Amino acid sequence: MMNNPPGSPRPGPDTRPHPDPPAVHAENLTVVRGPRTVLRDLGFTVPRGRITGLLGPSGCGKSTLMRALVGTQAKVTGTLDVLGHPAGHPALRTRIGYVTQAPSVYDDLTVRQNLDYFAAILDPGRAAADRRDADVTRAIADVDLTTHADALAGNLSGGQRSRVSLAVALLGTPELLVLDEPTVGLDPVLRRDLWNLFHDIATGRGATILVSSHVMDEAERCHRLLLMRDGELLADDTPDALRTRTGAATVEEAFLHLVDEAAAADRTKETTR
């Protein structure tokens, strides 16, 4: 924050309306793993109450960026603020829901027992028992597993186990959901239903969602997109703006156009060295 020098006049109160600060703000964000720079000097914002898609090919750094956001990634430099705090701040633990690519459930517990366990960690104490029970029931219904609530997680299909992980992330109505490829392995009907749920969470509950995917047709379902390649951002814009900018009919065509542009720029740099 900049301080006024001694004797300088202080600015008057700012009466202009202030937009909501972004849910995520990143500047010069870099992650180095051994000799490799995994994320390189990223700068972006994620608006509140919207679905932002993080798209790019496998290995481009999407999961690393998500781990940085939730505070589990080592060797992060630059600025990364989440919900008004530095990423990983203890105050964020109950305000963020995080779903990893691999289902994070206990196979020897039922669906409800899994959620009961995590709900007790988020909202402990006997006084909160009724609230926890209602929260667990709602989260199970959100992911359409009510009829499987008493089934062992280990006996579920891969897609169902992924939905249990999503239900855990929905406990406590988090302000920010960070979802790492949550629709992988799901059939088209379940994918559609989950995307309907994501939009309901964003518009009806006011939560912010950052969802990664390498499936380009899912980009059309997002309010805003971050397109990545080789640890760098190719674009940060709306789907409509990306199509207009590149003259493409789809986001996939727009992404491929931007990839070709970046590759051509890289070749030009190599030849001029």
C-alpha atoms as a PDB file:
ATOM      1  CA  MET A   1       0.000   0.000   0.000  1.00  0.00           C
ATOM      2  CA  MET A   2       1.332   3.482  -0.850  1.00  0.00           C
ATOM      3  CA  ASN A   3       1.518   5.991   2.022  1.00  0.00           C
ATOM      4  CA  ASN A   4       1.134   9.752   1.622  1.00  0.00           C
ATOM      5  CA  PRO A   5       4.387  11.648   2.255  1.00  0.00           C
ATOM      6  CA  PRO A   6       4.379  13.985   5.297  1.00  0.00           C
ATOM      7  CA  GLY A   7       2.503  17.194   4.660  1.00  0.00           C
ATOM      8  CA  SER A   8       0.795  16.013   1.500  1.00  0.00           C
ATOM      9  CA  PRO A   9      -2.965  16.475   1.216  1.00  0.00           C
ATOM     10  CA  ARG A  10      -5.036  13.398   1.886  1.00  0.00           C
ATOM     11  CA  PRO A  11      -7.457  12.311  -0.827  1.00  0.00           C
ATOM     12  CA  GLY A  12     -11.140  12.791  -0.087  1.00  0.00           C
ATOM     13  CA  PRO A  13     -13.496   9.870   0.300  1.00  0.00           C
ATOM     14  CA  ASP A  14     -14.127   7.919  -2.856  1.00  0.00           C
ATOM     15  CA  THR A  15     -17.881   7.925  -3.407  1.00  0.00           C
ATOM     16  CA  ARG A  16     -17.759   5.972  -6.659  1.00  0.00           C
ATOM     17  CA  PRO A  17     -19.283   2.467  -6.559  1.00  0.00           C
ATOM     18  CA  HIS A  18     -16.622  -0.187  -6.082  1.00  0.00           C
ATOM     19  CA  PRO A  19     -16.906  -3.464  -7.986  1.00  0.00           C
ATOM     20  CA  ASP A  20     -16.500  -6.638  -5.971  1.00  0.00           C
ATOM     21  CA  PRO A  21     -12.838  -7.612  -5.738  1.00  0.00           C
ATOM     22  CA  PRO A  22     -12.021 -10.730  -7.742  1.00  0.00           C
ATOM     23  CA  ALA A  23     -12.118 -14.111  -6.050  1.00  0.00           C
ATOM     24  CA  VAL A  24      -8.577 -14.761  -7.301  1.00  0.00           C
ATOM     25  CA  HIS A  25      -5.873 -12.280  -8.270  1.00  0.00           C
ATOM     26  CA  ALA A  26      -2.508 -13.424  -9.632  1.00  0.00           C
ATOM     27  CA  GLU A  27       0.526 -11.416 -10.754  1.00  0.00           C
ATOM     28  CA  ASN A  28       3.895 -12.776 -11.896  1.00  0.00           C
ATOM     29  CA  LEU A  29       2.860 -16.208 -10.614  1.00  0.00           C
ATOM     30  CA  THR A  30       5.649 -18.709 -11.183  1.00  0.00           C
ATOM     31  CA  VAL A  31       6.203 -22.302 -10.057  1.00  0.00           C
ATOM     32  CA  VAL A  32       9.543 -24.050 -10.537  1.00  0.00           C
ATOM     33  CA  ARG A  33       9.937 -27.802 -10.082  1.00  0.00           C
ATOM     34  CA  GLY A  34      13.559 -28.902 -10.280  1.00  0.00           C
ATOM     35  CA  PRO A  35      15.070 -27.587 -13.520  1.00  0.00           C
ATOM     36  CA  ARG A  36      11.641 -26.999 -15.075  1.00  0.00           C
ATOM     37  CA  THR A  37       9.487 -23.883 -14.880  1.00  0.00           C
ATOM     38  CA  VAL A  38       5.966 -25.331 -14.649  1.00  0.00           C
ATOM     39  CA  LEU A  39       4.104 -21.994 -14.485  1.00  0.00           C
ATOM     40  CA  ARG A  40       5.709 -18.934 -15.995  1.00  0.00           C
ATOM     41  CA  ASP A  41       4.835 -15.376 -14.928  1.00  0.00           C
ATOM     42  CA  LEU A  42       1.046 -15.781 -14.957  1.00  0.00           C
ATOM     43  CA  GLY A  43      -1.266 -12.823 -14.405  1.00  0.00           C
ATOM     44  CA  PHE A  44      -5.047 -13.140 -14.261  1.00  0.00           C
ATOM     45  CA  THR A  45      -8.173 -12.632 -12.175  1.00  0.00           C
ATOM     46  CA  VAL A  46     -11.143 -14.882 -11.490  1.00  0.00           C
ATOM     47  CA  PRO A  47     -14.403 -12.911 -11.070  1.00  0.00           C
ATOM     48  CA  ARG A  48     -16.743 -13.721  -8.197  1.00  0.00           C
ATOM     49  CA  GLY A  49     -19.965 -15.588  -8.719  1.00  0.00           C
ATOM     50  CA  ARG A  50     -18.984 -16.879 -12.168  1.00  0.00           C
ATOM     51  CA  ILE A  51     -17.675 -20.076 -13.727  1.00  0.00           C
ATOM     52  CA  THR A  52     -14.151 -19.694 -15.055  1.00  0.00           C
ATOM     53  CA  GLY A  53     -12.806 -22.522 -17.161  1.00  0.00           C
ATOM     54  CA  LEU A  54      -9.122 -23.433 -17.053  1.00  0.00           C
ATOM     55  CA  LEU A  55      -8.444 -25.206 -20.317  1.00  0.00           C
ATOM     56  CA  GLY A  56      -5.446 -26.668 -22.039  1.00  0.00           C
ATOM     57  CA  PRO A  57      -3.792 -29.948 -23.007  1.00  0.00           C
ATOM     58  CA  SER A  58      -2.624 -32.439 -20.405  1.00  0.00           C
ATOM     59  CA  GLY A  59       0.683 -31.388 -18.855  1.00  0.00           C
ATOM     60  CA  CYS A  60       0.249 -27.653 -19.470  1.00  0.00           C
ATOM     61  CA  GLY A  61       0.167 -26.787 -15.742  1.00  0.00           C
ATOM     62  CA  LYS A  62      -3.538 -26.732 -14.894  1.00  0.00           C
ATOM     63  CA  SER A  63      -3.288 -28.994 -11.833  1.00  0.00           C
ATOM     64  CA  THR A  64      -0.184 -27.166 -10.607  1.00  0.00           C
ATOM     65  CA  LEU A  65      -2.055 -23.861 -10.798  1.00  0.00           C
ATOM     66  CA  MET A  66      -4.973 -25.307  -8.855  1.00  0.00           C
ATOM     67  CA  ARG A  67      -2.666 -26.672  -6.149  1.00  0.00           C
ATOM     68  CA  ALA A  68      -1.106 -23.217  -5.881  1.00  0.00           C
ATOM     69  CA  LEU A  69      -4.563 -21.687  -5.435  1.00  0.00           C
ATOM     70  CA  VAL A  70      -5.484 -23.967  -2.540  1.00  0.00           C
ATOM     71  CA  GLY A  71      -2.066 -23.626  -0.905  1.00  0.00           C
ATOM     72  CA  THR A  72      -0.662 -27.132  -1.412  1.00  0.00           C
ATOM     73  CA  GLN A  73       1.942 -26.357  -4.095  1.00  0.00           C
ATOM     74  CA  ALA A  74       5.574 -25.766  -3.113  1.00  0.00           C
ATOM     75  CA  LYS A  75       7.970 -23.208  -4.603  1.00  0.00           C
ATOM     76  CA  VAL A  76       5.378 -20.634  -5.641  1.00  0.00           C
ATOM     77  CA  THR A  77       6.580 -17.081  -6.273  1.00  0.00           C
ATOM     78  CA  GLY A  78       4.750 -13.940  -7.275  1.00  0.00           C
ATOM     79  CA  THR A  79       1.386 -12.712  -5.991  1.00  0.00           C
ATOM     80  CA  LEU A  80      -1.571 -15.049  -5.536  1.00  0.00           C
ATOM     81  CA  ASP A  81      -4.491 -13.720  -3.491  1.00  0.00           C
ATOM     82  CA  VAL A  82      -7.601 -15.839  -2.915  1.00  0.00           C
ATOM     83  CA  LEU A  83     -10.778 -14.356  -1.392  1.00  0.00           C
ATOM     84  CA  GLY A  84      -8.744 -11.458  -0.026  1.00  0.00           C
ATOM     85  CA  HIS A  85      -5.990 -13.570   1.559  1.00  0.00           C
ATOM     86  CA  PRO A  86      -2.681 -15.016   0.355  1.00  0.00           C
ATOM     87  CA  ALA A  87      -3.206 -18.498  -1.078  1.00  0.00           C
ATOM     88  CA  GLY A  88      -2.954 -21.127   1.652  1.00  0.00           C
ATOM     89  CA  HIS A  89      -3.964 -18.772   4.490  1.00  0.00           C
ATOM     90  CA  PRO A  90      -5.648 -20.633   7.391  1.00  0.00           C
ATOM     91  CA  ALA A  91      -8.733 -18.410   7.075  1.00  0.00           C
ATOM     92  CA  LEU A  92      -9.442 -19.985   3.671  1.00  0.00           C
ATOM     93  CA  ARG A  93      -9.721 -23.597   4.838  1.00  0.00           C
ATOM     94  CA  THR A  94     -13.505 -23.586   5.246  1.00  0.00           C
ATOM     95  CA  ARG A  95     -14.144 -21.158   2.402  1.00  0.00           C
ATOM     96  CA  ILE A  96     -12.722 -23.252  -0.452  1.00  0.00           C
ATOM     97  CA  GLY A  97     -13.888 -26.602  -1.785  1.00  0.00           C
ATOM     98  CA  TYR A  98     -11.256 -28.532  -3.741  1.00  0.00           C
ATOM     99  CA  VAL A  99     -11.738 -31.610  -5.917  1.00  0.00           C
ATOM    100  CA  THR A 100      -8.610 -33.362  -7.187  1.00  0.00           C
ATOM    101  CA  GLN A 101      -8.473 -35.558 -10.283  1.00  0.00           C
ATOM    102  CA  ALA A 102      -8.257 -38.735  -8.172  1.00  0.00           C
ATOM    103  CA  PRO A 103     -11.319 -39.354  -5.938  1.00  0.00           C
ATOM    104  CA  SER A 104     -10.508 -38.437  -2.330  1.00  0.00           C
ATOM    105  CA  VAL A 105     -12.775 -40.860  -0.454  1.00  0.00           C
ATOM    106  CA  TYR A 106     -12.440 -43.736   1.981  1.00  0.00           C
ATOM    107  CA  ASP A 107     -13.422 -46.950   0.210  1.00  0.00           C
ATOM    108  CA  ASP A 108     -14.365 -48.754   3.442  1.00  0.00           C
ATOM    109  CA  LEU A 109     -16.954 -46.096   4.397  1.00  0.00           C
ATOM    110  CA  THR A 110     -20.354 -45.508   2.882  1.00  0.00           C
ATOM    111  CA  VAL A 111     -21.101 -42.370   0.923  1.00  0.00           C
ATOM    112  CA  ARG A 112     -22.885 -40.818   3.922  1.00  0.00           C
ATOM    113  CA  GLN A 113     -20.151 -41.887   6.353  1.00  0.00           C
ATOM    114  CA  ASN A 114     -17.540 -40.243   4.146  1.00  0.00           C
ATOM    115  CA  LEU A 115     -19.471 -36.987   4.171  1.00  0.00           C
ATOM    116  CA  ASP A 116     -20.260 -37.248   7.894  1.00  0.00           C
ATOM    117  CA  TYR A 117     -16.543 -37.570   8.590  1.00  0.00           C
ATOM    118  CA  PHE A 118     -15.521 -34.514   6.559  1.00  0.00           C
ATOM    119  CA  ALA A 119     -18.505 -32.481   7.802  1.00  0.00           C
ATOM    120  CA  ALA A 120     -17.383 -33.120  11.399  1.00  0.00           C
ATOM    121  CA  ILE A 121     -13.960 -31.712  10.548  1.00  0.00           C
ATOM    122  CA  LEU A 122     -15.430 -28.607   8.903  1.00  0.00           C
ATOM    123  CA  ASP A 123     -18.113 -27.953  11.534  1.00  0.00           C
ATOM    124  CA  PRO A 124     -17.235 -29.799  14.749  1.00  0.00           C
ATOM    125  CA  GLY A 125     -19.172 -30.085  17.986  1.00  0.00           C
ATOM    126  CA  ARG A 126     -22.453 -31.537  19.204  1.00  0.00           C
ATOM    127  CA  ALA A 127     -24.260 -28.241  18.800  1.00  0.00           C
ATOM    128  CA  ALA A 128     -23.672 -28.394  15.036  1.00  0.00           C
ATOM    129  CA  ALA A 129     -24.968 -31.967  14.610  1.00  0.00           C
ATOM    130  CA  ASP A 130     -28.314 -31.011  13.033  1.00  0.00           C
ATOM    131  CA  ARG A 131     -26.644 -28.503  10.722  1.00  0.00           C
ATOM    132  CA  ARG A 132     -24.067 -31.086   9.643  1.00  0.00           C
ATOM    133  CA  ASP A 133     -26.758 -33.676   8.953  1.00  0.00           C
ATOM    134  CA  ALA A 134     -28.717 -31.253   6.763  1.00  0.00           C
ATOM    135  CA  ASP A 135     -25.530 -30.209   4.974  1.00  0.00           C
ATOM    136  CA  VAL A 136     -24.572 -33.825   4.253  1.00  0.00           C
ATOM    137  CA  THR A 137     -28.046 -34.678   2.962  1.00  0.00           C
ATOM    138  CA  ARG A 138     -28.024 -31.623   0.675  1.00  0.00           C
ATOM    139  CA  ALA A 139     -24.554 -32.384  -0.723  1.00  0.00           C
ATOM    140  CA  ILE A 140     -25.490 -35.998  -1.474  1.00  0.00           C
ATOM    141  CA  ALA A 141     -28.628 -34.834  -3.278  1.00  0.00           C
ATOM    142  CA  ASP A 142     -26.633 -32.196  -5.200  1.00  0.00           C
ATOM    143  CA  VAL A 143     -24.540 -34.905  -6.853  1.00  0.00           C
ATOM    144  CA  ASP A 144     -27.513 -37.264  -7.354  1.00  0.00           C
ATOM    145  CA  LEU A 145     -26.292 -40.012  -5.020  1.00  0.00           C
ATOM    146  CA  THR A 146     -29.235 -40.145  -2.598  1.00  0.00           C
ATOM    147  CA  THR A 147     -30.083 -43.708  -3.634  1.00  0.00           C
ATOM    148  CA  HIS A 148     -26.445 -44.729  -3.051  1.00  0.00           C
ATOM    149  CA  ALA A 149     -25.994 -42.932   0.281  1.00  0.00           C
ATOM    150  CA  ASP A 150     -25.562 -46.200   2.211  1.00  0.00           C
ATOM    151  CA  ALA A 151     -23.349 -47.928  -0.376  1.00  0.00           C
ATOM    152  CA  LEU A 152     -19.670 -48.458   0.332  1.00  0.00           C
ATOM    153  CA  ALA A 153     -17.565 -46.018  -1.666  1.00  0.00           C
ATOM    154  CA  GLY A 154     -15.314 -48.877  -2.746  1.00  0.00           C
ATOM    155  CA  ASN A 155     -18.253 -50.555  -4.484  1.00  0.00           C
ATOM    156  CA  LEU A 156     -19.152 -47.514  -6.580  1.00  0.00           C
ATOM    157  CA  SER A 157     -18.147 -46.867 -10.167  1.00  0.00           C
ATOM    158  CA  GLY A 158     -15.320 -44.452 -10.908  1.00  0.00           C
ATOM    159  CA  GLY A 159     -17.762 -41.715 -11.899  1.00  0.00           C
ATOM    160  CA  GLN A 160     -19.802 -42.195  -8.732  1.00  0.00           C
ATOM    161  CA  ARG A 161     -16.684 -42.019  -6.543  1.00  0.00           C
ATOM    162  CA  SER A 162     -15.753 -38.767  -8.288  1.00  0.00           C
ATOM    163  CA  ARG A 163     -19.189 -37.424  -7.404  1.00  0.00           C
ATOM    164  CA  VAL A 164     -18.629 -38.355  -3.752  1.00  0.00           C
ATOM    165  CA  SER A 165     -15.470 -36.234  -3.836  1.00  0.00           C
ATOM    166  CA  LEU A 166     -17.493 -33.372  -5.313  1.00  0.00           C
ATOM    167  CA  ALA A 167     -20.114 -33.764  -2.583  1.00  0.00           C
ATOM    168  CA  VAL A 168     -17.361 -33.443   0.038  1.00  0.00           C
ATOM    169  CA  ALA A 169     -16.205 -30.218  -1.610  1.00  0.00           C
ATOM    170  CA  LEU A 170     -19.776 -28.865  -1.488  1.00  0.00           C
ATOM    171  CA  LEU A 171     -20.027 -29.262   2.299  1.00  0.00           C
ATOM    172  CA  GLY A 172     -20.345 -25.968   4.127  1.00  0.00           C
ATOM    173  CA  THR A 173     -21.395 -24.015   1.000  1.00  0.00           C
ATOM    174  CA  PRO A 174     -17.860 -22.841   0.046  1.00  0.00           C
ATOM    175  CA  GLU A 175     -17.368 -19.442  -1.578  1.00  0.00           C
ATOM    176  CA  LEU A 176     -14.853 -20.839  -4.082  1.00  0.00           C
ATOM    177  CA  LEU A 177     -14.895 -24.255  -5.714  1.00  0.00           C
ATOM    178  CA  VAL A 178     -11.675 -25.449  -7.361  1.00  0.00           C
ATOM    179  CA  LEU A 179     -12.498 -28.468  -9.521  1.00  0.00           C
ATOM    180  CA  ASP A 180      -9.725 -30.360 -11.308  1.00  0.00           C
ATOM    181  CA  GLU A 181     -11.299 -32.135 -14.304  1.00  0.00           C
ATOM    182  CA  PRO A 182     -14.427 -33.204 -12.359  1.00  0.00           C
ATOM    183  CA  THR A 183     -16.251 -34.625 -15.395  1.00  0.00           C
ATOM    184  CA  VAL A 184     -13.541 -37.056 -16.558  1.00  0.00           C
ATOM    185  CA  GLY A 185     -14.990 -40.544 -16.930  1.00  0.00           C
ATOM    186  CA  LEU A 186     -18.622 -39.436 -16.689  1.00  0.00           C
ATOM    187  CA  ASP A 187     -21.244 -40.270 -19.280  1.00  0.00           C
ATOM    188  CA  PRO A 188     -22.841 -37.434 -21.291  1.00  0.00           C
ATOM    189  CA  VAL A 189     -25.989 -37.304 -19.134  1.00  0.00           C
ATOM    190  CA  LEU A 190     -24.027 -36.987 -15.882  1.00  0.00           C
ATOM    191  CA  ARG A 191     -21.732 -34.393 -17.444  1.00  0.00           C
ATOM    192  CA  ARG A 192     -24.765 -32.343 -18.467  1.00  0.00           C
ATOM    193  CA  ASP A 193     -26.309 -32.661 -15.006  1.00  0.00           C
ATOM    194  CA  LEU A 194     -23.073 -31.653 -13.279  1.00  0.00           C
ATOM    195  CA  TRP A 195     -22.720 -28.579 -15.468  1.00  0.00           C
ATOM    196  CA  ASN A 196     -26.311 -27.653 -14.632  1.00  0.00           C
ATOM    197  CA  LEU A 197     -25.351 -28.001 -10.962  1.00  0.00           C
ATOM    198  CA  PHE A 198     -22.276 -25.803 -11.447  1.00  0.00           C
ATOM    199  CA  HIS A 199     -24.413 -23.060 -12.968  1.00  0.00           C
ATOM    200  CA  ASP A 200     -26.945 -23.376 -10.154  1.00  0.00           C
ATOM    201  CA  ILE A 201     -24.160 -23.050  -7.576  1.00  0.00           C
ATOM    202  CA  ALA A 202     -22.745 -19.966  -9.302  1.00  0.00           C
ATOM    203  CA  THR A 203     -26.021 -18.159 -10.011  1.00  0.00           C
ATOM    204  CA  GLY A 204     -28.213 -19.442  -7.179  1.00  0.00           C
ATOM    205  CA  ARG A 205     -25.664 -19.580  -4.349  1.00  0.00           C
ATOM    206  CA  GLY A 206     -23.260 -16.883  -5.528  1.00  0.00           C
ATOM    207  CA  ALA A 207     -20.211 -19.142  -5.396  1.00  0.00           C
ATOM    208  CA  THR A 208     -17.199 -18.825  -7.673  1.00  0.00           C
ATOM    209  CA  ILE A 209     -16.110 -21.876  -9.646  1.00  0.00           C
ATOM    210  CA  LEU A 210     -12.755 -22.525 -11.260  1.00  0.00           C
ATOM    211  CA  VAL A 211     -13.009 -25.740 -13.266  1.00  0.00           C
ATOM    212  CA  SER A 212     -10.275 -27.326 -15.361  1.00  0.00           C
ATOM    213  CA  SER A 213     -10.743 -29.494 -18.420  1.00  0.00           C
ATOM    214  CA  HIS A 214      -9.003 -30.576 -21.585  1.00  0.00           C
ATOM    215  CA  VAL A 215     -12.390 -31.144 -23.279  1.00  0.00           C
ATOM    216  CA  MET A 216     -12.987 -28.062 -25.370  1.00  0.00           C
ATOM    217  CA  ASP A 217     -16.756 -28.384 -25.684  1.00  0.00           C
ATOM    218  CA  GLU A 218     -16.977 -27.718 -21.933  1.00  0.00           C
ATOM    219  CA  ALA A 219     -15.418 -24.308 -22.555  1.00  0.00           C
ATOM    220  CA  GLU A 220     -18.684 -23.163 -24.102  1.00  0.00           C
ATOM    221  CA  ARG A 221     -20.394 -23.689 -20.729  1.00  0.00           C
ATOM    222  CA  CYS A 222     -18.099 -21.231 -18.894  1.00  0.00           C
ATOM    223  CA  HIS A 223     -18.580 -17.504 -18.339  1.00  0.00           C
ATOM    224  CA  ARG A 224     -14.855 -16.853 -18.733  1.00  0.00           C
ATOM    225  CA  LEU A 225     -11.837 -18.838 -19.895  1.00  0.00           C
ATOM    226  CA  LEU A 226      -8.180 -19.113 -19.072  1.00  0.00           C
ATOM    227  CA  LEU A 227      -6.432 -20.933 -21.934  1.00  0.00           C
ATOM    228  CA  MET A 228      -3.040 -22.447 -21.114  1.00  0.00           C
ATOM    229  CA  ARG A 229      -0.142 -23.923 -23.065  1.00  0.00           C
ATOM    230  CA  ASP A 230       3.243 -25.030 -21.694  1.00  0.00           C
ATOM    231  CA  GLY A 231       2.832 -23.213 -18.384  1.00  0.00           C
ATOM    232  CA  GLU A 232       1.787 -19.916 -19.928  1.00  0.00           C
ATOM    233  CA  LEU A 233      -1.543 -18.187 -20.484  1.00  0.00           C
ATOM    234  CA  LEU A 234      -2.606 -17.859 -24.102  1.00  0.00           C
ATOM    235  CA  ALA A 235      -5.820 -15.995 -23.333  1.00  0.00           C
ATOM    236  CA  ASP A 236      -8.031 -14.687 -20.534  1.00  0.00           C
ATOM    237  CA  ASP A 237     -11.421 -13.761 -21.958  1.00  0.00           C
ATOM    238  CA  THR A 238     -15.030 -14.781 -22.521  1.00  0.00           C
ATOM    239  CA  PRO A 239     -15.885 -17.517 -25.039  1.00  0.00           C
ATOM    240  CA  ASP A 240     -17.616 -14.984 -27.310  1.00  0.00           C
ATOM    241  CA  ALA A 241     -14.646 -12.608 -27.199  1.00  0.00           C
ATOM    242  CA  LEU A 242     -12.212 -15.418 -28.034  1.00  0.00           C
ATOM    243  CA  ARG A 243     -14.260 -16.501 -31.025  1.00  0.00           C
ATOM    244  CA  THR A 244     -14.517 -12.912 -32.249  1.00  0.00           C
ATOM    245  CA  ARG A 245     -10.814 -12.230 -31.702  1.00  0.00           C
ATOM    246  CA  THR A 246      -9.718 -15.259 -33.718  1.00  0.00           C
ATOM    247  CA  GLY A 247     -12.551 -15.383 -36.228  1.00  0.00           C
ATOM    248  CA  ALA A 248     -13.294 -18.951 -35.128  1.00  0.00           C
ATOM    249  CA  ALA A 249     -16.656 -20.679 -34.976  1.00  0.00           C
ATOM    250  CA  THR A 250     -15.891 -22.575 -31.738  1.00  0.00           C
ATOM    251  CA  VAL A 251     -13.681 -22.157 -28.682  1.00  0.00           C
ATOM    252  CA  GLU A 252     -11.720 -25.245 -29.788  1.00  0.00           C
ATOM    253  CA  GLU A 253     -10.905 -23.596 -33.119  1.00  0.00           C
ATOM    254  CA  ALA A 254      -9.999 -20.390 -31.284  1.00  0.00           C
ATOM    255  CA  PHE A 255      -7.678 -22.301 -28.942  1.00  0.00           C
ATOM    256  CA  LEU A 256      -5.937 -24.083 -31.820  1.00  0.00           C
ATOM    257  CA  HIS A 257      -5.520 -20.740 -33.597  1.00  0.00           C
ATOM    258  CA  LEU A 258      -3.858 -19.266 -30.508  1.00  0.00           C
ATOM    259  CA  VAL A 259      -1.653 -22.354 -30.100  1.00  0.00           C
ATOM    260  CA  ASP A 260      -0.480 -22.025 -33.709  1.00  0.00           C
ATOM    261  CA  GLU A 261       0.224 -18.308 -33.170  1.00  0.00           C
ATOM    262  CA  ALA A 262       2.271 -19.050 -30.045  1.00  0.00           C
ATOM    263  CA  ALA A 263       4.194 -21.844 -31.772  1.00  0.00           C
ATOM    264  CA  ALA A 264       5.000 -19.551 -34.706  1.00  0.00           C
ATOM    265  CA  ALA A 265       6.193 -16.856 -32.291  1.00  0.00           C
ATOM    266  CA  ASP A 266       8.424 -19.401 -30.531  1.00  0.00           C
ATOM    267  CA  ARG A 267       9.965 -20.468 -33.848  1.00  0.00           C
ATOM    268  CA  THR A 268      10.627 -16.841 -34.761  1.00  0.00           C
ATOM    269  CA  LYS A 269      12.427 -16.301 -31.454  1.00  0.00           C
ATOM    270  CA  GLU A 270      14.571 -19.373 -32.024  1.00  0.00           C
ATOM    271  CA  THR A 271      15.627 -18.276 -35.515  1.00  0.00           C
ATOM    272  CA  THR A 272      16.535 -14.749 -34.386  1.00  0.00           C
ATOM    273  CA  ARG A 273      18.812 -15.861 -31.565  1.00  0.00           C
END
